[in-house]
Amino acid sequence: MLFLVAALMLLGVVLGTVAHAPLDVTAGLAAVIVVWLAVFALRERLRRRHTSAH
């Protein structure tokens, strides 16, 4: 329960920061996160394909 409260507080801080940041900064950071997640997903897919083939 304490973890959930801490996560919600952190989410509130992050969303508050995004609300006050300029739109181009927010969009730039969002694009960086999307690229980071896409690279991670691609690496995981390739890794699982290699481990399942052996």
C-alpha atoms as a PDB file:
ATOM      1  CA  MET A   1       0.000   0.000   0.000  1.00  0.00           C
ATOM      2  CA  LEU A   2       2.842   2.353   0.822  1.00  0.00           C
ATOM      3  CA  PHE A   3       4.371   1.618  -2.582  1.00  0.00           C
ATOM      4  CA  LEU A   4       1.099   2.549  -4.265  1.00  0.00           C
ATOM      5  CA  VAL A   5       0.922   5.863  -2.385  1.00  0.00           C
ATOM      6  CA  ALA A   6       4.535   6.655  -3.300  1.00  0.00           C
ATOM      7  CA  ALA A   7       3.891   5.772  -6.963  1.00  0.00           C
ATOM      8  CA  LEU A   8       0.816   8.015  -7.080  1.00  0.00           C
ATOM      9  CA  MET A   9       2.731  10.889  -5.484  1.00  0.00           C
ATOM     10  CA  LEU A  10       5.546  10.474  -8.006  1.00  0.00           C
ATOM     11  CA  LEU A  11       3.030  10.362 -10.852  1.00  0.00           C
ATOM     12  CA  GLY A  12       1.493  13.589  -9.570  1.00  0.00           C
ATOM     13  CA  VAL A  13       4.881  15.297  -9.501  1.00  0.00           C
ATOM     14  CA  VAL A  14       5.733  14.123 -13.014  1.00  0.00           C
ATOM     15  CA  LEU A  15       2.359  15.148 -14.443  1.00  0.00           C
ATOM     16  CA  GLY A  16       2.605  18.491 -12.687  1.00  0.00           C
ATOM     17  CA  THR A  17       6.010  19.066 -14.248  1.00  0.00           C
ATOM     18  CA  VAL A  18       4.738  18.134 -17.701  1.00  0.00           C
ATOM     19  CA  ALA A  19       1.778  20.477 -17.308  1.00  0.00           C
ATOM     20  CA  HIS A  20       4.131  23.417 -16.730  1.00  0.00           C
ATOM     21  CA  ALA A  21       6.745  22.497 -19.343  1.00  0.00           C
ATOM     22  CA  PRO A  22       6.523  23.927 -22.858  1.00  0.00           C
ATOM     23  CA  LEU A  23       4.854  21.676 -25.418  1.00  0.00           C
ATOM     24  CA  ASP A  24       8.001  21.235 -27.524  1.00  0.00           C
ATOM     25  CA  VAL A  25       9.989  20.046 -24.492  1.00  0.00           C
ATOM     26  CA  THR A  26       7.234  17.607 -23.545  1.00  0.00           C
ATOM     27  CA  ALA A  27       6.972  16.295 -27.114  1.00  0.00           C
ATOM     28  CA  GLY A  28      10.749  15.910 -27.366  1.00  0.00           C
ATOM     29  CA  LEU A  29      10.946  13.944 -24.135  1.00  0.00           C
ATOM     30  CA  ALA A  30       7.989  11.815 -25.186  1.00  0.00           C
ATOM     31  CA  ALA A  31       9.739  11.022 -28.483  1.00  0.00           C
ATOM     32  CA  VAL A  32      12.901   9.996 -26.630  1.00  0.00           C
ATOM     33  CA  ILE A  33      10.881   7.678 -24.388  1.00  0.00           C
ATOM     34  CA  VAL A  34       9.076   6.138 -27.384  1.00  0.00           C
ATOM     35  CA  VAL A  35      12.383   5.433 -29.152  1.00  0.00           C
ATOM     36  CA  TRP A  36      13.846   3.989 -25.953  1.00  0.00           C
ATOM     37  CA  LEU A  37      10.850   1.657 -25.501  1.00  0.00           C
ATOM     38  CA  ALA A  38      10.916   0.611 -29.165  1.00  0.00           C
ATOM     39  CA  VAL A  39      14.616  -0.298 -28.958  1.00  0.00           C
ATOM     40  CA  PHE A  40      13.965  -2.237 -25.751  1.00  0.00           C
ATOM     41  CA  ALA A  41      11.053  -4.131 -27.324  1.00  0.00           C
ATOM     42  CA  LEU A  42      13.103  -4.971 -30.413  1.00  0.00           C
ATOM     43  CA  ARG A  43      16.030  -6.229 -28.329  1.00  0.00           C
ATOM     44  CA  GLU A  44      13.707  -8.381 -26.214  1.00  0.00           C
ATOM     45  CA  ARG A  45      12.024  -9.847 -29.285  1.00  0.00           C
ATOM     46  CA  LEU A  46      15.373 -10.698 -30.863  1.00  0.00           C
ATOM     47  CA  ARG A  47      16.672 -12.160 -27.603  1.00  0.00           C
ATOM     48  CA  ARG A  48      13.609 -14.361 -27.161  1.00  0.00           C
ATOM     49  CA  ARG A  49      13.852 -15.547 -30.749  1.00  0.00           C
ATOM     50  CA  HIS A  50      17.482 -16.598 -30.183  1.00  0.00           C
ATOM     51  CA  THR A  51      16.784 -18.388 -26.894  1.00  0.00           C
ATOM     52  CA  SER A  52      13.729 -20.246 -28.230  1.00  0.00           C
ATOM     53  CA  ALA A  53      15.645 -21.462 -31.327  1.00  0.00           C
ATOM     54  CA  HIS A  54      18.262 -23.211 -29.200  1.00  0.00           C
END
